[in-house]
Amino acid sequence: MYLLTWNPDESRIEASFGGCITKGEAVVFDEELTDMVKSMQGQIFSVVVDYATASRIEDRAKELLNECRERCIFGGAHKVTFVTRDEREAQDYTNNRLQAVLEGREEYVAYGMAA
């Protein structure tokens, strides 16, 4: 289950996941997020994907979320932030995506640190 919204005060697309994230759910999310990003053309916006409270993420769903991040960046998002389930996961993403993090295009924060 997820919630996808536009926050006009922050110029930000916000996605929040809970429960188990399945491949099917990730496919539908990808379609909706892609449509939302396309509608933002010409605007400055960022994206936050929060799956910190998800109990489980299927492997293919995680791959799709990573593909969504790329589509957001190439679709014009100023920055994409992932709120992860724990510090280890945030650190792994940061290490694997270090160049984009250093350039300020991506950010990975653990749930406890985001509060």
N, C-alpha and C. Protein backbone atom coordinates (compact mmCIF):
# COMPACT_ATOMS: atom_id res chain seq x y z
N MET A 1 0.84 -1.16 0.00
CA MET A 1 0.00 0.00 0.00
C MET A 1 0.90 1.24 0.00
N TYR A 2 0.50 2.23 -0.79
CA TYR A 2 1.28 3.47 -0.82
C TYR A 2 0.36 4.67 -1.01
N LEU A 3 0.91 5.82 -0.71
CA LEU A 3 0.23 7.09 -0.90
C LEU A 3 1.16 7.96 -1.72
N LEU A 4 0.66 8.52 -2.82
CA LEU A 4 1.45 9.38 -3.69
C LEU A 4 0.75 10.73 -3.78
N THR A 5 1.45 11.79 -3.36
CA THR A 5 0.83 13.12 -3.32
C THR A 5 1.79 14.19 -3.82
N TRP A 6 1.22 15.33 -4.17
CA TRP A 6 1.97 16.53 -4.54
C TRP A 6 1.85 17.50 -3.37
N ASN A 7 2.99 17.97 -2.87
CA ASN A 7 3.02 18.95 -1.80
C ASN A 7 3.40 20.29 -2.42
N PRO A 8 2.42 21.17 -2.69
CA PRO A 8 2.73 22.43 -3.37
C PRO A 8 3.54 23.40 -2.52
N ASP A 9 3.42 23.31 -1.20
CA ASP A 9 4.18 24.20 -0.32
C ASP A 9 5.68 23.93 -0.41
N GLU A 10 6.04 22.68 -0.64
CA GLU A 10 7.45 22.28 -0.71
C GLU A 10 7.91 22.00 -2.14
N SER A 11 7.00 22.12 -3.12
CA SER A 11 7.29 21.74 -4.51
C SER A 11 7.88 20.33 -4.56
N ARG A 12 7.14 19.40 -3.96
CA ARG A 12 7.69 18.06 -3.78
C ARG A 12 6.62 16.99 -4.03
N ILE A 13 7.02 15.96 -4.76
CA ILE A 13 6.22 14.75 -4.90
C ILE A 13 6.60 13.86 -3.72
N GLU A 14 5.60 13.39 -2.98
CA GLU A 14 5.87 12.57 -1.81
C GLU A 14 5.19 11.21 -1.96
N ALA A 15 5.98 10.17 -1.75
CA ALA A 15 5.45 8.80 -1.80
C ALA A 15 5.77 8.12 -0.48
N SER A 16 4.78 7.47 0.07
CA SER A 16 4.96 6.78 1.35
C SER A 16 4.40 5.36 1.22
N PHE A 17 5.24 4.37 1.56
CA PHE A 17 4.86 2.97 1.47
C PHE A 17 4.70 2.37 2.85
N GLY A 18 3.84 1.37 2.95
CA GLY A 18 3.68 0.59 4.16
C GLY A 18 3.38 -0.85 3.79
N GLY A 19 3.47 -1.75 4.74
CA GLY A 19 3.20 -3.16 4.48
C GLY A 19 4.28 -3.78 3.61
N CYS A 20 3.89 -4.78 2.84
CA CYS A 20 4.81 -5.47 1.94
C CYS A 20 4.72 -4.84 0.56
N ILE A 21 5.86 -4.42 0.01
CA ILE A 21 5.88 -3.82 -1.33
C ILE A 21 6.12 -4.93 -2.33
N THR A 22 5.11 -5.22 -3.15
CA THR A 22 5.20 -6.28 -4.14
C THR A 22 5.58 -5.72 -5.50
N LYS A 23 5.97 -6.62 -6.39
CA LYS A 23 6.29 -6.22 -7.76
C LYS A 23 5.08 -5.54 -8.41
N GLY A 24 3.90 -6.12 -8.25
CA GLY A 24 2.69 -5.56 -8.85
C GLY A 24 2.41 -4.15 -8.36
N GLU A 25 2.57 -3.94 -7.07
CA GLU A 25 2.36 -2.61 -6.50
C GLU A 25 3.40 -1.63 -7.04
N ALA A 26 4.64 -2.08 -7.16
CA ALA A 26 5.71 -1.22 -7.66
C ALA A 26 5.48 -0.83 -9.11
N VAL A 27 4.91 -1.74 -9.91
CA VAL A 27 4.62 -1.44 -11.31
C VAL A 27 3.57 -0.33 -11.40
N VAL A 28 2.50 -0.45 -10.63
CA VAL A 28 1.44 0.57 -10.63
C VAL A 28 2.00 1.90 -10.11
N PHE A 29 2.79 1.85 -9.04
CA PHE A 29 3.42 3.06 -8.50
C PHE A 29 4.29 3.73 -9.55
N ASP A 30 5.09 2.95 -10.25
CA ASP A 30 5.97 3.48 -11.29
C ASP A 30 5.17 4.22 -12.35
N GLU A 31 4.06 3.66 -12.78
CA GLU A 31 3.22 4.31 -13.79
C GLU A 31 2.66 5.63 -13.27
N GLU A 32 2.15 5.62 -12.05
CA GLU A 32 1.57 6.84 -11.48
C GLU A 32 2.63 7.91 -11.24
N LEU A 33 3.78 7.50 -10.73
CA LEU A 33 4.86 8.46 -10.49
C LEU A 33 5.37 9.04 -11.80
N THR A 34 5.54 8.20 -12.81
CA THR A 34 6.00 8.68 -14.12
C THR A 34 5.03 9.71 -14.68
N ASP A 35 3.73 9.46 -14.59
CA ASP A 35 2.74 10.43 -15.05
C ASP A 35 2.85 11.74 -14.28
N MET A 36 3.04 11.65 -12.97
CA MET A 36 3.15 12.85 -12.15
C MET A 36 4.40 13.65 -12.52
N VAL A 37 5.52 12.96 -12.72
CA VAL A 37 6.77 13.63 -13.09
C VAL A 37 6.61 14.31 -14.45
N LYS A 38 5.97 13.65 -15.39
CA LYS A 38 5.74 14.25 -16.72
C LYS A 38 4.91 15.52 -16.60
N SER A 39 3.98 15.56 -15.68
CA SER A 39 3.12 16.74 -15.52
C SER A 39 3.88 17.91 -14.90
N MET A 40 5.07 17.67 -14.38
CA MET A 40 5.87 18.72 -13.72
C MET A 40 6.81 19.44 -14.67
N GLN A 41 6.80 19.10 -15.94
CA GLN A 41 7.75 19.70 -16.88
C GLN A 41 7.73 21.22 -16.77
N GLY A 42 8.95 21.77 -16.67
CA GLY A 42 9.10 23.21 -16.56
C GLY A 42 9.06 23.73 -15.13
N GLN A 43 8.79 22.86 -14.17
CA GLN A 43 8.74 23.27 -12.76
C GLN A 43 9.96 22.71 -12.02
N ILE A 44 10.35 23.40 -10.98
CA ILE A 44 11.40 22.89 -10.09
C ILE A 44 10.69 22.08 -9.01
N PHE A 45 11.10 20.81 -8.87
CA PHE A 45 10.47 19.94 -7.88
C PHE A 45 11.46 18.90 -7.40
N SER A 46 11.14 18.32 -6.26
CA SER A 46 11.93 17.21 -5.72
C SER A 46 10.99 16.04 -5.45
N VAL A 47 11.57 14.90 -5.14
CA VAL A 47 10.80 13.69 -4.89
C VAL A 47 11.31 13.03 -3.61
N VAL A 48 10.38 12.63 -2.74
CA VAL A 48 10.73 11.86 -1.54
C VAL A 48 9.98 10.53 -1.61
N VAL A 49 10.73 9.44 -1.51
CA VAL A 49 10.15 8.10 -1.48
C VAL A 49 10.47 7.52 -0.10
N ASP A 50 9.44 7.34 0.70
CA ASP A 50 9.59 6.87 2.09
C ASP A 50 9.03 5.46 2.21
N TYR A 51 9.93 4.50 2.36
CA TYR A 51 9.48 3.13 2.58
C TYR A 51 9.99 2.60 3.91
N ALA A 52 10.25 3.50 4.83
CA ALA A 52 10.81 3.14 6.14
C ALA A 52 9.91 2.21 6.94
N THR A 53 8.61 2.31 6.76
CA THR A 53 7.70 1.47 7.54
C THR A 53 7.25 0.23 6.78
N ALA A 54 7.79 0.01 5.59
CA ALA A 54 7.45 -1.21 4.84
C ALA A 54 8.01 -2.42 5.57
N SER A 55 7.20 -3.44 5.71
CA SER A 55 7.64 -4.64 6.43
C SER A 55 8.57 -5.50 5.58
N ARG A 56 8.36 -5.45 4.26
CA ARG A 56 9.17 -6.26 3.35
C ARG A 56 9.09 -5.65 1.96
N ILE A 57 10.17 -5.82 1.19
CA ILE A 57 10.18 -5.35 -0.20
C ILE A 57 10.66 -6.50 -1.07
N GLU A 58 9.83 -6.91 -2.02
CA GLU A 58 10.25 -7.96 -2.94
C GLU A 58 11.42 -7.44 -3.77
N ASP A 59 12.32 -8.35 -4.16
CA ASP A 59 13.52 -7.95 -4.90
C ASP A 59 13.18 -7.16 -6.16
N ARG A 60 12.23 -7.64 -6.95
CA ARG A 60 11.88 -6.93 -8.19
C ARG A 60 11.26 -5.57 -7.88
N ALA A 61 10.54 -5.47 -6.78
CA ALA A 61 9.96 -4.18 -6.39
C ALA A 61 11.06 -3.19 -6.06
N LYS A 62 12.11 -3.65 -5.38
CA LYS A 62 13.23 -2.76 -5.05
C LYS A 62 13.93 -2.28 -6.32
N GLU A 63 14.09 -3.18 -7.30
CA GLU A 63 14.67 -2.79 -8.58
C GLU A 63 13.81 -1.72 -9.26
N LEU A 64 12.50 -1.90 -9.21
CA LEU A 64 11.60 -0.92 -9.82
C LEU A 64 11.68 0.44 -9.12
N LEU A 65 11.80 0.44 -7.80
CA LEU A 65 11.95 1.72 -7.08
C LEU A 65 13.23 2.42 -7.51
N ASN A 66 14.29 1.65 -7.72
CA ASN A 66 15.54 2.25 -8.21
C ASN A 66 15.38 2.81 -9.61
N GLU A 67 14.63 2.10 -10.46
CA GLU A 67 14.36 2.61 -11.81
C GLU A 67 13.51 3.88 -11.73
N CYS A 68 12.58 3.93 -10.80
CA CYS A 68 11.77 5.15 -10.60
C CYS A 68 12.66 6.34 -10.26
N ARG A 69 13.65 6.11 -9.40
CA ARG A 69 14.58 7.18 -9.03
C ARG A 69 15.24 7.75 -10.29
N GLU A 70 15.70 6.87 -11.17
CA GLU A 70 16.35 7.32 -12.40
C GLU A 70 15.39 8.11 -13.28
N ARG A 71 14.16 7.62 -13.41
CA ARG A 71 13.17 8.33 -14.23
C ARG A 71 12.86 9.71 -13.65
N CYS A 72 12.84 9.82 -12.35
CA CYS A 72 12.59 11.12 -11.71
C CYS A 72 13.73 12.09 -12.02
N ILE A 73 14.96 11.62 -11.87
CA ILE A 73 16.12 12.48 -12.15
C ILE A 73 16.11 12.92 -13.61
N PHE A 74 15.94 11.96 -14.52
CA PHE A 74 15.94 12.30 -15.94
C PHE A 74 14.67 13.04 -16.35
N GLY A 75 13.63 12.96 -15.53
CA GLY A 75 12.39 13.68 -15.81
C GLY A 75 12.39 15.11 -15.27
N GLY A 76 13.50 15.52 -14.63
CA GLY A 76 13.62 16.90 -14.20
C GLY A 76 13.62 17.15 -12.71
N ALA A 77 13.52 16.11 -11.90
CA ALA A 77 13.54 16.31 -10.45
C ALA A 77 14.88 16.91 -10.03
N HIS A 78 14.81 17.92 -9.19
CA HIS A 78 16.01 18.57 -8.66
C HIS A 78 16.77 17.61 -7.75
N LYS A 79 16.01 16.82 -6.97
CA LYS A 79 16.62 15.89 -6.02
C LYS A 79 15.63 14.77 -5.71
N VAL A 80 16.16 13.56 -5.49
CA VAL A 80 15.35 12.43 -5.07
C VAL A 80 15.90 11.93 -3.74
N THR A 81 15.03 11.83 -2.74
CA THR A 81 15.41 11.36 -1.41
C THR A 81 14.68 10.05 -1.12
N PHE A 82 15.43 9.05 -0.67
CA PHE A 82 14.84 7.80 -0.20
C PHE A 82 14.96 7.79 1.32
N VAL A 83 13.85 7.53 2.00
CA VAL A 83 13.86 7.33 3.45
C VAL A 83 13.82 5.81 3.64
N THR A 84 14.93 5.27 4.13
CA THR A 84 15.10 3.82 4.23
C THR A 84 14.69 3.29 5.59
N ARG A 85 14.71 1.98 5.71
CA ARG A 85 14.28 1.34 6.95
C ARG A 85 15.32 1.40 8.06
N ASP A 86 16.60 1.49 7.70
CA ASP A 86 17.62 1.54 8.74
C ASP A 86 18.88 2.23 8.21
N GLU A 87 19.79 2.52 9.12
CA GLU A 87 21.00 3.26 8.77
C GLU A 87 21.91 2.47 7.82
N ARG A 88 21.96 1.16 7.99
CA ARG A 88 22.79 0.33 7.12
C ARG A 88 22.34 0.46 5.66
N GLU A 89 21.04 0.41 5.44
CA GLU A 89 20.51 0.53 4.09
C GLU A 89 20.80 1.91 3.51
N ALA A 90 20.64 2.95 4.31
CA ALA A 90 20.94 4.31 3.85
C ALA A 90 22.42 4.44 3.50
N GLN A 91 23.27 3.86 4.33
CA GLN A 91 24.72 3.91 4.07
C GLN A 91 25.08 3.14 2.81
N ASP A 92 24.47 1.97 2.61
CA ASP A 92 24.74 1.18 1.40
C ASP A 92 24.36 1.95 0.15
N TYR A 93 23.17 2.56 0.15
CA TYR A 93 22.75 3.37 -0.99
C TYR A 93 23.72 4.53 -1.21
N THR A 94 24.08 5.21 -0.14
CA THR A 94 24.99 6.35 -0.26
C THR A 94 26.32 5.92 -0.86
N ASN A 95 26.86 4.81 -0.40
CA ASN A 95 28.13 4.32 -0.93
C ASN A 95 28.01 3.93 -2.41
N ASN A 96 26.91 3.28 -2.77
CA ASN A 96 26.72 2.83 -4.15
C ASN A 96 26.40 3.97 -5.10
N ARG A 97 25.85 5.05 -4.61
CA ARG A 97 25.42 6.17 -5.45
C ARG A 97 26.17 7.45 -5.07
N LEU A 98 27.39 7.31 -4.62
CA LEU A 98 28.15 8.41 -4.03
C LEU A 98 28.25 9.63 -4.93
N GLN A 99 28.50 9.45 -6.21
CA GLN A 99 28.65 10.60 -7.10
C GLN A 99 27.38 11.45 -7.13
N ALA A 100 26.23 10.79 -7.28
CA ALA A 100 24.96 11.53 -7.31
C ALA A 100 24.67 12.18 -5.96
N VAL A 101 25.06 11.53 -4.87
CA VAL A 101 24.87 12.10 -3.54
C VAL A 101 25.74 13.35 -3.39
N LEU A 102 27.00 13.24 -3.79
CA LEU A 102 27.91 14.39 -3.69
C LEU A 102 27.45 15.56 -4.56
N GLU A 103 26.83 15.26 -5.69
CA GLU A 103 26.32 16.30 -6.57
C GLU A 103 25.01 16.90 -6.06
N GLY A 104 24.43 16.30 -5.02
CA GLY A 104 23.20 16.82 -4.43
C GLY A 104 21.93 16.38 -5.14
N ARG A 105 22.04 15.44 -6.08
CA ARG A 105 20.87 14.97 -6.82
C ARG A 105 20.11 13.87 -6.08
N GLU A 106 20.81 13.18 -5.17
CA GLU A 106 20.20 12.08 -4.42
C GLU A 106 20.58 12.18 -2.95
N GLU A 107 19.68 11.67 -2.11
CA GLU A 107 19.93 11.62 -0.67
C GLU A 107 19.28 10.37 -0.11
N TYR A 108 19.94 9.75 0.84
CA TYR A 108 19.44 8.54 1.48
C TYR A 108 19.53 8.73 2.98
N VAL A 109 18.39 8.68 3.64
CA VAL A 109 18.35 8.88 5.08
C VAL A 109 17.61 7.73 5.74
N ALA A 110 18.06 7.36 6.92
CA ALA A 110 17.39 6.31 7.69
C ALA A 110 16.19 6.90 8.40
N TYR A 111 15.20 6.09 8.63
CA TYR A 111 13.95 6.52 9.25
C TYR A 111 14.17 7.32 10.52
N GLY A 112 14.98 6.83 11.43
CA GLY A 112 15.23 7.52 12.70
C GLY A 112 15.90 8.87 12.52
N MET A 113 16.71 9.01 11.47
CA MET A 113 17.43 10.25 11.23
C MET A 113 16.55 11.28 10.51
N ALA A 114 15.48 10.82 9.86
CA ALA A 114 14.62 11.72 9.10
C ALA A 114 13.67 12.49 10.00
N ALA A 115 13.45 12.01 11.19
CA ALA A 115 12.49 12.64 12.10
C ALA A 115 12.97 13.97 12.63
